[in-house]
Amino acid sequence: MQCEQRSVALLELVDADGSCAFGLCAPLLNTHRESYAQAIEGLRFWSSLCSSMMPLGLPSADFAISMAELQLRGVLVPACESIRVAKFVRGGVPEIERVAALGAFKGCTSVKAKIGRESLAADRRCIDALLSAIDTNARLRLDANRLLSLEACVELVHGIDPSRIEFLEAPLANPFELAALANRTGLPIALDETILEWMRGEGIPESLAFAPFVAAHVVRLSCIGRIELSIRHAALARSRGIRAICSTAYESSFALRAAAIVASQIDPLAESAHGLGTALMYERDLVAPPTMTGERMLVEAMPSLDAETIGAFE
């Protein structure tokens, strides 16, 4: 993903006693179906209806609305002190070696890397470098965003010790080949975009969404919509023996703070590492990023915002 800057909108809700709360709307090109302009139009329409409870059908806008509403209702609150977060690595072998030299992988049990954007040889060099750099008890999450073919993915992971791979995330362009991939590689699969399609009724059968080879569902909050829907889906996945991994779409630290709270409610025992390790990608942010110690993210109350503090963190 190449993105020089990010447009965001803050929705402010004020209740009868004057209490206020903010929600953040930040649709991302090629990730959200709605554009920024469409999301803003939707929020204005929603406001004109006197804040109707009916979802707009624009996930990034519905996410912002529910973020603010749940704060006003006093239910967007931490369920535990900290959550586990997967270490997110970008760049090629030199960057991996640089990060490793800084000790950034120390204590991390889950490390996520993107694949499918470079040649298979380049991707394999990165995977091998990561396996050499991370702790022996750490495992990789390899996320292809559905860019690979079945044969390319099989070739890419051939010869890798399966115990070092936590899962392949959204590996194939054709999700109906995932069973074949799991059979040929012995590796578990995590579903991301495919779960969104199942939730929308877009041709993904339940037998695929909850197949035995599926180890995790990536619950990408702002792509699902209202936070309550994400929490309900996480509960459903867990009831089927599938982990629910809370994730965002490269949103600001304000949204990450909300996502950390949701992750704490979904996973209060911190059994899984969540996909919230993107805060440091921004040079300037709305608020300070969540506090990290090793792979632990402190789950804090939502920060207060006002005209002076918004965008002040650099």
Protein backbone atom coordinates (compact mmCIF):
# COMPACT_ATOMS: atom_id res chain seq x y z
CA MET A 1 0.00 0.00 0.00
CA GLN A 2 1.34 3.44 -0.99
CA CYS A 3 -0.27 6.38 0.80
CA GLU A 4 1.43 9.74 1.34
CA GLN A 5 -1.32 11.19 3.51
CA ARG A 6 -4.67 10.19 4.96
CA SER A 7 -7.90 12.18 5.01
CA VAL A 8 -9.95 11.70 8.17
CA ALA A 9 -13.20 13.09 9.49
CA LEU A 10 -14.11 13.40 13.14
CA LEU A 11 -17.77 13.04 14.08
CA GLU A 12 -18.71 14.77 17.34
CA LEU A 13 -21.80 13.64 19.23
CA VAL A 14 -23.19 15.65 22.14
CA ASP A 15 -25.84 14.20 24.46
CA ALA A 16 -28.52 16.00 26.46
CA ASP A 17 -26.29 16.71 29.45
CA GLY A 18 -23.56 18.21 27.28
CA SER A 19 -21.21 15.23 27.28
CA CYS A 20 -19.45 14.75 23.96
CA ALA A 21 -17.60 11.96 22.20
CA PHE A 22 -15.82 11.60 18.88
CA GLY A 23 -15.79 8.94 16.20
CA LEU A 24 -13.23 8.71 13.43
CA CYS A 25 -14.09 8.05 9.77
CA ALA A 26 -11.18 7.38 7.40
CA PRO A 27 -12.01 5.22 4.38
CA LEU A 28 -8.94 3.97 2.56
CA LEU A 29 -8.72 3.61 -1.22
CA ASN A 30 -8.75 -0.04 -2.36
CA THR A 31 -9.70 -1.19 1.13
CA HIS A 32 -13.08 0.40 1.76
CA ARG A 33 -15.75 0.33 -0.91
CA GLU A 34 -16.93 3.83 -0.10
CA SER A 35 -14.86 6.89 -0.93
CA TYR A 36 -14.07 9.63 1.55
CA ALA A 37 -16.63 11.90 -0.16
CA GLN A 38 -19.31 9.20 0.03
CA ALA A 39 -18.60 8.59 3.71
CA ILE A 40 -18.87 12.31 4.51
CA GLU A 41 -22.13 12.55 2.56
CA GLY A 42 -23.43 9.58 4.52
CA LEU A 43 -22.52 11.14 7.86
CA ARG A 44 -24.29 14.36 6.89
CA PHE A 45 -27.37 12.38 5.83
CA TRP A 46 -27.30 10.48 9.13
CA SER A 47 -27.04 13.74 11.07
CA SER A 48 -30.02 15.19 9.17
CA LEU A 49 -32.12 12.23 10.31
CA CYS A 50 -31.53 13.22 13.93
CA SER A 51 -28.96 10.50 14.44
CA SER A 52 -30.99 7.50 13.35
CA MET A 53 -29.89 4.10 14.73
CA MET A 54 -30.20 2.57 11.25
CA PRO A 55 -26.81 1.66 9.74
CA LEU A 56 -25.85 3.68 6.68
CA GLY A 57 -24.32 0.75 4.85
CA LEU A 58 -21.08 2.73 4.60
CA PRO A 59 -18.81 0.78 6.95
CA SER A 60 -16.25 3.49 7.70
CA ALA A 61 -19.04 5.95 8.55
CA ASP A 62 -20.96 3.39 10.61
CA PHE A 63 -17.73 2.61 12.47
CA ALA A 64 -17.29 6.29 13.36
CA ILE A 65 -20.90 6.64 14.49
CA SER A 66 -20.77 3.60 16.74
CA MET A 67 -17.38 4.64 18.16
CA ALA A 68 -18.88 7.90 19.39
CA GLU A 69 -22.19 6.36 20.49
CA LEU A 70 -20.56 3.62 22.54
CA GLN A 71 -18.38 6.18 24.32
CA LEU A 72 -21.44 8.22 25.27
CA ARG A 73 -23.15 5.06 26.53
CA GLY A 74 -20.12 4.25 28.66
CA VAL A 75 -19.50 0.82 27.11
CA LEU A 76 -16.37 1.48 25.03
CA VAL A 77 -14.16 0.78 28.04
CA PRO A 78 -11.18 -1.54 28.57
CA ALA A 79 -11.90 -5.12 29.64
CA CYS A 80 -8.27 -5.86 30.60
CA GLU A 81 -5.05 -3.94 31.18
CA SER A 82 -3.25 -4.95 27.99
CA ILE A 83 -3.59 -6.96 24.81
CA ARG A 84 -1.07 -8.74 22.61
CA VAL A 85 -0.23 -7.18 19.25
CA ALA A 86 1.53 -8.81 16.31
CA LYS A 87 4.71 -7.07 15.19
CA PHE A 88 4.15 -5.65 11.70
CA VAL A 89 7.21 -5.59 9.43
CA ARG A 90 7.51 -3.66 6.19
CA GLY A 91 10.35 -3.60 3.68
CA GLY A 92 12.91 -6.01 2.31
CA VAL A 93 15.82 -7.91 3.81
CA PRO A 94 17.90 -4.79 4.70
CA GLU A 95 14.97 -3.34 6.65
CA ILE A 96 14.35 -6.66 8.42
CA GLU A 97 18.02 -6.82 9.41
CA ARG A 98 17.96 -3.20 10.59
CA VAL A 99 14.87 -3.77 12.73
CA ALA A 100 16.32 -6.99 14.12
CA ALA A 101 19.56 -5.21 15.08
CA LEU A 102 17.48 -2.74 17.11
CA GLY A 103 15.97 -5.64 19.08
CA ALA A 104 12.48 -4.95 17.80
CA PHE A 105 11.59 -8.65 17.60
CA LYS A 106 12.60 -9.42 21.18
CA GLY A 107 9.67 -10.94 23.06
CA CYS A 108 7.38 -10.98 20.02
CA THR A 109 5.52 -14.25 19.51
CA SER A 110 3.63 -13.17 16.37
CA VAL A 111 5.24 -11.29 13.47
CA LYS A 112 3.29 -10.24 10.39
CA ALA A 113 4.70 -9.57 6.93
CA LYS A 114 3.11 -8.83 3.57
CA ILE A 115 3.74 -11.17 0.65
CA GLY A 116 2.63 -11.25 -2.97
CA ARG A 117 3.78 -7.78 -3.95
CA GLU A 118 7.29 -8.73 -5.09
CA SER A 119 8.69 -11.75 -6.91
CA LEU A 120 8.47 -15.13 -5.21
CA ALA A 121 12.25 -15.12 -4.82
CA ALA A 122 12.20 -11.73 -3.09
CA ASP A 123 9.34 -12.79 -0.83
CA ARG A 124 11.15 -15.98 0.11
CA ARG A 125 14.31 -14.07 0.98
CA CYS A 126 12.27 -11.88 3.32
CA ILE A 127 10.59 -14.89 4.92
CA ASP A 128 13.94 -16.59 5.47
CA ALA A 129 15.41 -13.39 6.92
CA LEU A 130 12.48 -13.06 9.31
CA LEU A 131 12.72 -16.68 10.42
CA SER A 132 16.39 -16.10 11.20
CA ALA A 133 15.68 -12.85 13.05
CA ILE A 134 12.72 -13.75 15.27
CA ASP A 135 12.77 -15.84 18.42
CA THR A 136 12.52 -19.60 17.94
CA ASN A 137 9.14 -19.62 19.70
CA ALA A 138 7.78 -16.84 17.46
CA ARG A 139 5.70 -17.54 14.38
CA LEU A 140 5.03 -15.67 11.16
CA ARG A 141 1.77 -14.43 9.74
CA LEU A 142 2.11 -14.10 5.97
CA ASP A 143 -0.52 -11.79 4.48
CA ALA A 144 -0.99 -11.80 0.71
CA ASN A 145 -4.26 -9.83 0.51
CA ARG A 146 -5.43 -12.43 -2.03
CA LEU A 147 -2.66 -11.65 -4.53
CA LEU A 148 -1.24 -15.15 -5.06
CA SER A 149 -2.25 -18.11 -7.16
CA LEU A 150 -2.45 -21.56 -5.62
CA GLU A 151 0.72 -22.78 -7.35
CA ALA A 152 2.69 -19.63 -6.47
CA CYS A 153 1.74 -19.86 -2.80
CA VAL A 154 2.64 -23.55 -2.61
CA GLU A 155 6.01 -22.79 -4.20
CA LEU A 156 6.65 -19.85 -1.87
CA VAL A 157 6.24 -21.80 1.37
CA HIS A 158 7.76 -25.08 0.17
CA GLY A 159 10.34 -26.40 2.62
CA ILE A 160 9.46 -24.02 5.46
CA ASP A 161 8.94 -25.68 8.84
CA PRO A 162 5.14 -25.48 9.34
CA SER A 163 5.62 -24.91 13.07
CA ARG A 164 7.19 -21.49 12.26
CA ILE A 165 4.09 -20.27 10.38
CA GLU A 166 1.12 -19.15 12.44
CA PHE A 167 -1.11 -18.84 9.39
CA LEU A 168 -1.37 -17.67 5.81
CA GLU A 169 -3.67 -14.66 5.77
CA ALA A 170 -5.92 -14.17 2.74
CA PRO A 171 -3.34 -15.94 0.56
CA LEU A 172 -5.18 -16.71 -2.68
CA ALA A 173 -6.91 -14.71 -5.37
CA ASN A 174 -9.47 -17.53 -5.56
CA PRO A 175 -10.74 -18.32 -2.05
CA PHE A 176 -12.35 -21.53 -3.31
CA GLU A 177 -8.83 -22.98 -3.67
CA LEU A 178 -8.02 -22.48 0.03
CA ALA A 179 -8.88 -26.07 0.94
CA ALA A 180 -6.42 -27.32 -1.67
CA LEU A 181 -3.76 -24.94 -0.34
CA ALA A 182 -4.27 -26.15 3.22
CA ASN A 183 -4.10 -29.78 2.10
CA ARG A 184 -0.92 -29.27 0.06
CA THR A 185 0.98 -27.16 2.60
CA GLY A 186 -0.40 -28.27 5.94
CA LEU A 187 -0.64 -24.61 6.94
CA PRO A 188 -3.62 -22.98 8.66
CA ILE A 189 -5.47 -20.15 6.95
CA ALA A 190 -6.77 -16.82 8.23
CA LEU A 191 -9.62 -15.14 6.37
CA ASP A 192 -9.89 -11.39 5.91
CA GLU A 193 -11.59 -10.13 2.74
CA THR A 194 -13.37 -13.48 2.39
CA ILE A 195 -15.08 -12.99 5.75
CA LEU A 196 -16.33 -9.57 4.68
CA GLU A 197 -17.83 -11.20 1.58
CA TRP A 198 -19.48 -13.90 3.70
CA MET A 199 -20.95 -11.28 6.04
CA ARG A 200 -22.33 -9.36 3.05
CA GLY A 201 -23.85 -12.46 1.45
CA GLU A 202 -21.61 -12.25 -1.61
CA GLY A 203 -21.31 -15.89 -2.59
CA ILE A 204 -18.98 -17.23 0.13
CA PRO A 205 -20.63 -20.29 1.70
CA GLU A 206 -20.61 -20.85 5.45
CA SER A 207 -18.79 -24.14 4.84
CA LEU A 208 -15.81 -22.10 3.55
CA ALA A 209 -16.00 -19.30 6.10
CA PHE A 210 -15.88 -21.81 8.97
CA ALA A 211 -13.93 -24.63 7.31
CA PRO A 212 -11.72 -26.88 9.49
CA PHE A 213 -8.54 -25.41 7.99
CA VAL A 214 -9.53 -21.85 9.01
CA ALA A 215 -7.57 -20.85 12.10
CA ALA A 216 -8.60 -17.21 12.39
CA HIS A 217 -10.97 -14.54 11.18
CA VAL A 218 -9.49 -11.07 10.78
CA VAL A 219 -12.14 -8.73 12.16
CA ARG A 220 -11.32 -5.49 10.38
CA LEU A 221 -13.46 -3.09 12.34
CA SER A 222 -13.95 -0.14 9.99
CA CYS A 223 -14.62 -2.46 7.03
CA ILE A 224 -17.37 -4.27 8.93
CA GLY A 225 -19.11 -1.14 10.18
CA ARG A 226 -20.71 -0.77 13.59
CA ILE A 227 -18.48 -2.00 16.38
CA GLU A 228 -21.29 -4.14 17.78
CA LEU A 229 -21.30 -6.17 14.54
CA SER A 230 -17.58 -6.86 14.90
CA ILE A 231 -18.00 -7.98 18.51
CA ARG A 232 -20.89 -10.29 17.55
CA HIS A 233 -18.91 -11.81 14.70
CA ALA A 234 -15.90 -12.36 16.95
CA ALA A 235 -18.15 -14.22 19.41
CA LEU A 236 -19.52 -16.34 16.58
CA ALA A 237 -16.05 -17.21 15.32
CA ARG A 238 -14.85 -18.15 18.79
CA SER A 239 -17.92 -20.34 19.31
CA ARG A 240 -16.81 -22.29 16.20
CA GLY A 241 -13.26 -22.72 17.50
CA ILE A 242 -11.83 -19.96 15.28
CA ARG A 243 -9.75 -17.12 16.68
CA ALA A 244 -10.92 -13.56 16.13
CA ILE A 245 -8.06 -11.18 15.29
CA CYS A 246 -9.02 -7.53 15.74
CA SER A 247 -7.60 -5.32 12.98
CA THR A 248 -7.91 -1.88 11.47
CA ALA A 249 -7.21 -0.36 8.06
CA TYR A 250 -4.12 1.71 8.87
CA GLU A 251 -6.19 4.20 10.84
CA SER A 252 -4.92 6.84 13.23
CA SER A 253 -3.96 6.24 16.83
CA PHE A 254 -7.37 7.52 17.93
CA ALA A 255 -9.02 4.64 16.07
CA LEU A 256 -6.31 2.27 17.33
CA ARG A 257 -7.17 3.24 20.90
CA ALA A 258 -10.79 2.29 20.20
CA ALA A 259 -9.70 -0.92 18.47
CA ALA A 260 -7.54 -1.88 21.45
CA ILE A 261 -10.58 -1.55 23.70
CA VAL A 262 -12.63 -3.70 21.33
CA ALA A 263 -9.83 -6.28 21.23
CA SER A 264 -9.80 -6.35 25.03
CA GLN A 265 -13.53 -7.05 25.05
CA ILE A 266 -13.22 -9.73 22.37
CA ASP A 267 -10.15 -11.34 23.93
CA PRO A 268 -9.87 -10.35 27.62
CA LEU A 269 -7.39 -13.16 28.36
CA ALA A 270 -5.05 -11.95 25.58
CA GLU A 271 -5.00 -15.36 23.91
CA SER A 272 -4.30 -13.93 20.44
CA ALA A 273 -2.05 -11.22 19.06
CA HIS A 274 -4.14 -8.59 17.28
CA GLY A 275 -3.36 -6.68 14.11
CA LEU A 276 -3.00 -3.21 15.60
CA GLY A 277 0.71 -2.57 15.13
CA THR A 278 0.51 0.24 12.56
CA ALA A 279 0.56 3.41 14.68
CA LEU A 280 4.18 4.34 13.97
CA MET A 281 3.53 4.52 10.23
CA TYR A 282 2.35 8.12 10.65
CA GLU A 283 4.65 11.12 11.04
CA ARG A 284 1.77 13.17 12.45
CA ASP A 285 -1.27 11.82 14.26
CA LEU A 286 -4.39 12.99 16.07
CA VAL A 287 -3.23 11.67 19.44
CA ALA A 288 -0.23 9.85 20.88
CA PRO A 289 -0.04 6.19 19.82
CA PRO A 290 -1.00 3.46 22.28
CA THR A 291 1.74 2.54 24.73
CA MET A 292 3.66 -0.59 23.75
CA THR A 293 5.94 -2.76 25.90
CA GLY A 294 7.29 -5.64 23.85
CA GLU A 295 4.26 -7.19 22.20
CA ARG A 296 1.88 -5.81 24.83
CA MET A 297 -0.30 -2.80 24.08
CA LEU A 298 -1.73 -0.93 27.05
CA VAL A 299 -5.51 -0.67 26.80
CA GLU A 300 -6.35 2.85 27.86
CA ALA A 301 -9.55 4.85 28.09
CA MET A 302 -10.39 6.84 24.98
CA PRO A 303 -8.46 10.12 24.93
CA SER A 304 -10.30 13.40 25.11
CA LEU A 305 -10.16 15.67 22.08
CA ASP A 306 -10.61 19.37 21.63
CA ALA A 307 -9.66 22.02 19.08
CA GLU A 308 -6.22 22.47 20.63
CA THR A 309 -5.21 18.81 20.92
CA ILE A 310 -6.54 17.43 17.64
CA GLY A 311 -3.58 16.73 15.38
CA ALA A 312 -1.06 18.06 17.88
CA PHE A 313 0.93 14.85 18.23
CA GLU A 314 3.98 14.55 15.98
